[in-house]
Amino acid sequence: MEDGNEEREKLTLVARKPCFGLPTACPTCLPVYVYLRFAHLPLNLEFNLIHPDSDQIPFVESGNYVAYNNERGGVIWSLKEDGIVDLDSDVRGIPEWVSTKAMVESWLADAVMYELWVGSDGKSAYKIYYSDLPWPIGKILYLKQVRAVKQLLGITSENAERREEEIYRRSTSAYGALSSRLGEESFFFENRPTSLDAVVLGHVLFTLHALPETSLLRSKLLDHTNLVKFAESHKAEYIDANSSASVPESDPSTSASRRGPSQWSSKPKSKPKREKTEEEKKFRRRTKYFLVTQLVAVLVFLSLLGGSNDAEVELEDDDDALNYD
């Protein structure tokens, strides 16, 4: 990049909104945020509330440069390959580092996806992705995503119990391996942060704070106190210390976490009413257009779903999913 220092000052991460005491409650966005914090880069954090099903989010902008989540190997991979920031230059040739990161990005990512969309009441997923949309659109998009996640994880009515057992068995093995590798160190390799540390920290914080108290994955994680300590200490250093500069004060979702050893507490600050700018008015109009198109897409989806003979989707699955509100 030209004029690297000037470009870095313009670095912006566009993520999903904060809640549960996290700067962004999206399990895909949070590791990217942590990675940039590990790099000590000046960072602006912005939130996209109207595209809950966009696979481009998160994305990073810097001048004319943009790295999207759904391009190449994701945002972190693009930032490394394009010379923006690379924390892995000294470890990418270590086989154990490569295999450990692959394990986290597959086994633990699948476990979070399962709990968020299939193995829970759906309240966390709704709050993160759909709570800013009109109720019927948010609910239908939620059910659509549940269906998509089941297909992605290969879950059917015939193998649901076996797949659940396999997902939790792998997550248990992953936590054990990570705990043994970390020991009493501050980071997993070379005593300094890498993208592996960012991905693990994002996963642990999301699991501890965004998943419900009844989460089986959360209970398995809590068995490994050094992983919990790893997350809490780095959260205090890299996230809480920068929260006032990175999270807009006017966002109502920045309330305290529901739980955690530190028991944070904060109150959202109110702002005086003011006249809307022309840019805000344009944004509202665009939001209305987006909601209209989403409604049309939902109606088309329902019409197709109604005519489907897919035997794998049972009525009782939909009944369970509706219990999240």
Protein backbone atom coordinates (compact mmCIF):
# COMPACT_ATOMS: atom_id res chain seq x y z
CA MET A 1 0.00 0.00 0.00
CA GLU A 2 1.16 3.54 -0.65
CA ASP A 3 1.74 5.86 2.28
CA GLY A 4 1.22 2.98 4.68
CA ASN A 5 0.99 5.08 7.80
CA GLU A 6 -1.70 7.34 6.35
CA GLU A 7 -3.68 4.38 5.04
CA ARG A 8 -3.55 2.64 8.39
CA GLU A 9 -5.14 5.61 10.05
CA LYS A 10 -8.17 5.05 7.83
CA LEU A 11 -8.54 1.37 8.66
CA THR A 12 -12.22 0.56 9.26
CA LEU A 13 -13.77 -2.74 10.30
CA VAL A 14 -17.43 -3.14 9.35
CA ALA A 15 -18.99 -5.78 11.60
CA ARG A 16 -22.26 -6.81 13.17
CA LYS A 17 -23.45 -4.93 16.21
CA PRO A 18 -22.13 -5.18 19.77
CA CYS A 19 -24.05 -6.96 22.50
CA PHE A 20 -23.42 -9.38 25.40
CA GLY A 21 -20.61 -7.06 26.49
CA LEU A 22 -18.59 -7.73 23.32
CA PRO A 23 -17.48 -5.10 20.77
CA THR A 24 -19.18 -7.20 18.11
CA ALA A 25 -21.24 -10.27 18.96
CA CYS A 26 -20.77 -11.95 15.58
CA PRO A 27 -18.59 -15.08 15.91
CA THR A 28 -17.07 -14.38 12.49
CA CYS A 29 -16.42 -10.67 13.12
CA LEU A 30 -14.93 -10.95 16.61
CA PRO A 31 -11.69 -12.77 15.60
CA VAL A 32 -11.02 -10.13 12.93
CA TYR A 33 -11.48 -7.38 15.51
CA VAL A 34 -9.13 -9.16 17.92
CA TYR A 35 -6.54 -9.72 15.17
CA LEU A 36 -6.44 -6.00 14.39
CA ARG A 37 -6.20 -5.17 18.09
CA PHE A 38 -3.28 -7.58 18.44
CA ALA A 39 -1.58 -5.65 15.63
CA HIS A 40 -2.06 -2.34 17.51
CA LEU A 41 -3.51 -0.71 14.41
CA PRO A 42 -5.59 2.46 14.62
CA LEU A 43 -9.10 1.13 14.07
CA ASN A 44 -12.55 2.52 13.40
CA LEU A 45 -15.36 0.09 14.16
CA GLU A 46 -18.63 0.48 12.27
CA PHE A 47 -21.75 -1.68 12.31
CA ASN A 48 -24.05 -2.94 9.57
CA LEU A 49 -27.56 -3.60 10.93
CA ILE A 50 -29.57 -4.09 7.74
CA HIS A 51 -27.85 -7.00 5.98
CA PRO A 52 -28.06 -9.86 8.52
CA ASP A 53 -27.58 -12.57 5.90
CA SER A 54 -24.67 -10.97 4.02
CA ASP A 55 -21.61 -13.20 3.81
CA GLN A 56 -19.45 -10.17 2.97
CA ILE A 57 -19.53 -9.13 6.65
CA PRO A 58 -17.09 -8.59 8.25
CA PHE A 59 -14.99 -6.53 5.88
CA VAL A 60 -12.08 -4.13 6.29
CA GLU A 61 -11.65 -0.88 4.40
CA SER A 62 -8.50 1.18 4.14
CA GLY A 63 -8.50 3.93 1.53
CA ASN A 64 -9.33 2.21 -1.75
CA TYR A 65 -8.61 -1.21 -0.28
CA VAL A 66 -11.37 -3.60 0.82
CA ALA A 67 -11.07 -7.15 2.19
CA TYR A 68 -14.38 -9.06 2.32
CA ASN A 69 -15.18 -12.10 4.43
CA ASN A 70 -16.44 -14.11 1.45
CA GLU A 71 -13.44 -13.49 -0.81
CA ARG A 72 -10.37 -15.71 -1.00
CA GLY A 73 -9.55 -17.07 2.47
CA GLY A 74 -11.46 -14.47 4.46
CA VAL A 75 -10.53 -11.10 5.94
CA ILE A 76 -7.50 -12.15 8.02
CA TRP A 77 -6.03 -14.16 5.15
CA SER A 78 -6.49 -11.21 2.78
CA LEU A 79 -4.89 -8.77 5.23
CA LYS A 80 -1.83 -11.02 5.42
CA GLU A 81 -1.55 -11.76 1.71
CA ASP A 82 -2.04 -8.12 0.71
CA GLY A 83 0.63 -6.84 3.07
CA ILE A 84 -1.68 -4.90 5.39
CA VAL A 85 -0.80 -6.77 8.58
CA ASP A 86 0.77 -10.22 9.01
CA LEU A 87 1.17 -11.64 12.52
CA ASP A 88 1.94 -15.14 11.24
CA SER A 89 5.19 -14.64 9.36
CA ASP A 90 7.26 -16.58 11.91
CA VAL A 91 4.83 -19.43 12.60
CA ARG A 92 3.14 -20.35 9.33
CA GLY A 93 5.87 -22.94 8.66
CA ILE A 94 5.32 -24.73 11.97
CA PRO A 95 3.20 -27.87 11.29
CA GLU A 96 1.64 -27.90 14.76
CA TRP A 97 0.53 -24.28 14.39
CA VAL A 98 -1.07 -25.04 11.03
CA SER A 99 -2.91 -28.13 12.30
CA THR A 100 -4.05 -26.40 15.49
CA LYS A 101 -5.52 -23.47 13.59
CA ALA A 102 -7.26 -25.82 11.15
CA MET A 103 -8.80 -27.68 14.10
CA VAL A 104 -10.14 -24.46 15.63
CA GLU A 105 -11.53 -23.17 12.33
CA SER A 106 -13.32 -26.45 11.62
CA TRP A 107 -14.29 -28.35 14.78
CA LEU A 108 -14.90 -25.36 17.06
CA ALA A 109 -16.47 -23.26 14.32
CA ASP A 110 -18.92 -26.09 13.61
CA ALA A 111 -19.73 -26.39 17.33
CA VAL A 112 -20.54 -22.68 17.66
CA MET A 113 -22.62 -22.76 14.49
CA TYR A 114 -24.54 -25.77 15.81
CA GLU A 115 -25.26 -24.24 19.20
CA LEU A 116 -26.17 -20.85 17.82
CA TRP A 117 -28.66 -22.08 15.21
CA VAL A 118 -29.69 -25.65 16.08
CA GLY A 119 -28.80 -26.65 19.64
CA SER A 120 -30.32 -23.69 21.51
CA ASP A 121 -33.53 -21.68 21.73
CA GLY A 122 -32.24 -19.20 19.13
CA LYS A 123 -32.42 -16.10 21.33
CA SER A 124 -28.73 -15.28 20.94
CA ALA A 125 -28.85 -15.65 17.15
CA TYR A 126 -31.96 -13.50 16.92
CA LYS A 127 -30.42 -10.74 19.04
CA ILE A 128 -27.18 -10.69 17.04
CA TYR A 129 -28.58 -10.89 13.53
CA TYR A 130 -32.27 -10.03 13.33
CA SER A 131 -33.40 -7.90 16.27
CA ASP A 132 -33.11 -4.69 14.21
CA LEU A 133 -35.46 -5.99 11.51
CA PRO A 134 -39.27 -6.03 11.65
CA TRP A 135 -40.45 -9.04 13.63
CA PRO A 136 -41.95 -11.22 10.85
CA ILE A 137 -38.99 -10.70 8.52
CA GLY A 138 -36.48 -11.41 11.28
CA LYS A 139 -38.25 -14.58 12.35
CA ILE A 140 -38.58 -15.97 8.84
CA LEU A 141 -34.95 -15.18 8.01
CA TYR A 142 -33.97 -16.94 11.23
CA LEU A 143 -35.86 -20.09 10.21
CA LYS A 144 -34.28 -19.90 6.77
CA GLN A 145 -30.82 -19.77 8.33
CA VAL A 146 -31.58 -22.71 10.64
CA ARG A 147 -32.44 -24.75 7.58
CA ALA A 148 -29.25 -23.63 5.80
CA VAL A 149 -27.06 -24.50 8.82
CA LYS A 150 -28.56 -27.98 9.06
CA GLN A 151 -27.74 -28.55 5.41
CA LEU A 152 -24.21 -27.19 5.86
CA LEU A 153 -23.55 -29.43 8.87
CA GLY A 154 -25.18 -32.41 7.16
CA ILE A 155 -27.90 -32.77 9.79
CA THR A 156 -31.06 -34.69 8.90
CA SER A 157 -33.87 -36.15 10.96
CA GLU A 158 -32.20 -39.55 10.68
CA ASN A 159 -28.70 -38.58 11.80
CA ALA A 160 -29.35 -35.59 14.10
CA GLU A 161 -28.41 -37.39 17.31
CA ARG A 162 -25.26 -38.90 15.82
CA ARG A 163 -24.10 -35.58 14.34
CA GLU A 164 -24.68 -33.78 17.65
CA GLU A 165 -22.59 -36.37 19.48
CA GLU A 166 -19.83 -36.05 16.89
CA ILE A 167 -19.78 -32.24 17.06
CA TYR A 168 -19.46 -32.22 20.86
CA ARG A 169 -16.87 -35.01 20.86
CA ARG A 170 -14.69 -33.01 18.48
CA SER A 171 -15.10 -29.80 20.47
CA THR A 172 -14.10 -31.63 23.66
CA SER A 173 -10.94 -32.91 21.94
CA ALA A 174 -10.18 -29.44 20.56
CA TYR A 175 -10.49 -27.78 23.98
CA GLY A 176 -8.23 -30.42 25.52
CA ALA A 177 -5.58 -29.94 22.83
CA LEU A 178 -5.70 -26.14 23.12
CA SER A 179 -5.49 -26.25 26.90
CA SER A 180 -2.47 -28.56 26.80
CA ARG A 181 -0.73 -26.45 24.17
CA LEU A 182 -1.33 -23.16 26.01
CA GLY A 183 -0.35 -24.33 29.48
CA GLU A 184 0.50 -21.27 31.56
CA GLU A 185 1.73 -19.20 28.61
CA SER A 186 0.11 -15.99 27.39
CA PHE A 187 -0.01 -17.09 23.73
CA PHE A 188 0.00 -20.41 21.90
CA PHE A 189 3.24 -20.10 19.89
CA GLU A 190 6.44 -18.05 20.11
CA ASN A 191 5.06 -16.13 23.12
CA ARG A 192 3.37 -13.55 20.91
CA PRO A 193 -0.05 -13.17 19.27
CA THR A 194 -0.84 -14.74 15.91
CA SER A 195 -4.04 -15.27 13.98
CA LEU A 196 -4.48 -18.53 15.91
CA ASP A 197 -4.66 -16.58 19.17
CA ALA A 198 -7.15 -14.17 17.58
CA VAL A 199 -9.41 -16.99 16.39
CA VAL A 200 -9.26 -18.82 19.73
CA LEU A 201 -9.85 -15.64 21.73
CA GLY A 202 -12.82 -14.72 19.55
CA HIS A 203 -14.29 -18.20 19.95
CA VAL A 204 -13.81 -18.36 23.72
CA LEU A 205 -15.25 -14.89 24.34
CA PHE A 206 -18.26 -15.61 22.14
CA THR A 207 -18.89 -18.96 23.81
CA LEU A 208 -18.61 -17.52 27.33
CA HIS A 209 -20.67 -14.38 26.78
CA ALA A 210 -23.07 -14.91 23.88
CA LEU A 211 -24.19 -18.51 24.32
CA PRO A 212 -26.84 -19.23 26.98
CA GLU A 213 -26.09 -20.51 30.47
CA THR A 214 -27.48 -23.90 29.43
CA SER A 215 -24.97 -24.26 26.59
CA LEU A 216 -23.22 -27.63 26.59
CA LEU A 217 -20.32 -26.15 24.63
CA ARG A 218 -19.90 -23.43 27.23
CA SER A 219 -19.81 -25.97 30.05
CA LYS A 220 -17.12 -27.97 28.22
CA LEU A 221 -15.05 -24.82 27.79
CA LEU A 222 -15.34 -23.92 31.47
CA ASP A 223 -13.60 -27.20 32.33
CA HIS A 224 -10.36 -25.63 31.04
CA THR A 225 -9.56 -22.76 33.38
CA ASN A 226 -6.41 -21.70 31.54
CA LEU A 227 -8.44 -21.04 28.36
CA VAL A 228 -10.91 -18.94 30.34
CA LYS A 229 -8.04 -17.04 31.99
CA PHE A 230 -6.44 -16.54 28.57
CA ALA A 231 -9.64 -14.98 27.27
CA GLU A 232 -10.35 -12.75 30.24
CA SER A 233 -6.81 -11.37 30.52
CA HIS A 234 -6.56 -10.54 26.81
CA LYS A 235 -10.07 -9.11 26.78
CA ALA A 236 -9.05 -6.68 29.51
CA GLU A 237 -5.85 -5.69 27.68
CA TYR A 238 -6.91 -5.59 24.03
CA ILE A 239 -10.68 -5.08 24.06
CA ASP A 240 -11.90 -3.38 27.23
CA ALA A 241 -8.99 -0.92 27.15
CA ASN A 242 -10.01 0.17 23.64
CA SER A 243 -13.79 -0.08 23.96
CA SER A 244 -14.41 3.64 24.53
CA ALA A 245 -12.57 4.49 21.33
CA SER A 246 -13.96 1.76 19.11
CA VAL A 247 -17.64 1.35 20.07
CA PRO A 248 -20.00 4.27 19.38
CA GLU A 249 -21.50 5.53 22.63
CA SER A 250 -24.93 5.93 21.09
CA ASP A 251 -25.29 2.21 20.31
CA PRO A 252 -27.86 0.74 22.72
CA SER A 253 -26.31 -2.72 22.49
CA THR A 254 -23.15 -1.90 24.42
CA SER A 255 -24.63 -2.88 27.78
CA ALA A 256 -22.82 -5.10 30.22
CA SER A 257 -22.24 -8.78 29.68
CA ARG A 258 -24.76 -11.15 31.17
CA ARG A 259 -22.06 -13.12 32.94
CA GLY A 260 -18.35 -13.61 33.43
CA PRO A 261 -15.78 -13.69 36.19
CA SER A 262 -15.24 -9.93 36.08
CA GLN A 263 -18.95 -9.00 36.22
CA TRP A 264 -18.65 -5.81 34.17
CA SER A 265 -21.41 -3.25 34.39
CA SER A 266 -22.12 -0.17 32.31
CA LYS A 267 -25.03 1.98 31.29
CA PRO A 268 -25.71 3.24 27.77
CA LYS A 269 -25.31 6.98 27.48
CA SER A 270 -28.25 8.93 26.12
CA LYS A 271 -27.78 11.67 23.57
CA PRO A 272 -29.91 14.77 23.08
CA LYS A 273 -32.33 14.73 20.20
CA ARG A 274 -31.17 16.47 17.06
CA GLU A 275 -32.32 17.03 13.51
CA LYS A 276 -31.52 14.20 11.11
CA THR A 277 -28.91 15.01 8.50
CA GLU A 278 -29.53 14.51 4.80
CA GLU A 279 -27.19 11.52 4.88
CA GLU A 280 -29.23 9.91 7.66
CA LYS A 281 -32.44 10.49 5.73
CA LYS A 282 -30.93 8.80 2.70
CA PHE A 283 -29.84 5.89 4.89
CA ARG A 284 -33.38 5.47 6.22
CA ARG A 285 -34.79 5.47 2.69
CA ARG A 286 -32.28 2.84 1.63
CA THR A 287 -33.17 0.78 4.68
CA LYS A 288 -36.83 0.83 3.68
CA TYR A 289 -35.93 -0.30 0.16
CA PHE A 290 -33.85 -3.11 1.63
CA LEU A 291 -36.70 -4.28 3.88
CA VAL A 292 -39.10 -4.31 0.94
CA THR A 293 -36.74 -6.47 -1.10
CA GLN A 294 -36.22 -8.77 1.88
CA LEU A 295 -39.98 -9.14 2.28
CA VAL A 296 -40.34 -10.07 -1.38
CA ALA A 297 -37.50 -12.58 -0.99
CA VAL A 298 -39.20 -14.07 2.07
CA LEU A 299 -42.51 -14.44 0.24
CA VAL A 300 -40.76 -16.17 -2.65
CA PHE A 301 -38.93 -18.40 -0.17
CA LEU A 302 -42.19 -19.34 1.58
CA SER A 303 -43.87 -20.16 -1.71
CA LEU A 304 -40.99 -22.42 -2.68
CA LEU A 305 -40.85 -23.97 0.77
CA GLY A 306 -44.57 -24.67 0.70
CA GLY A 307 -44.25 -26.64 -2.51
CA SER A 308 -41.22 -28.60 -1.40
CA ASN A 309 -41.40 -32.33 -0.71
CA ASP A 310 -38.20 -32.33 1.32
CA ALA A 311 -38.76 -35.04 3.90
CA GLU A 312 -35.81 -33.98 5.99
CA VAL A 313 -37.47 -30.85 7.29
CA GLU A 314 -40.09 -31.81 9.86
CA LEU A 315 -42.84 -29.64 11.26
CA GLU A 316 -41.58 -30.14 14.78
CA ASP A 317 -38.25 -28.48 13.86
CA ASP A 318 -40.08 -25.28 12.97
CA ASP A 319 -42.12 -25.45 16.17
CA ASP A 320 -38.94 -25.68 18.23
CA ALA A 321 -37.31 -22.80 16.37
CA LEU A 322 -40.27 -20.52 17.07
CA ASN A 323 -39.65 -20.80 20.81
CA TYR A 324 -36.78 -18.32 20.80
CA ASP A 325 -38.93 -15.23 21.41
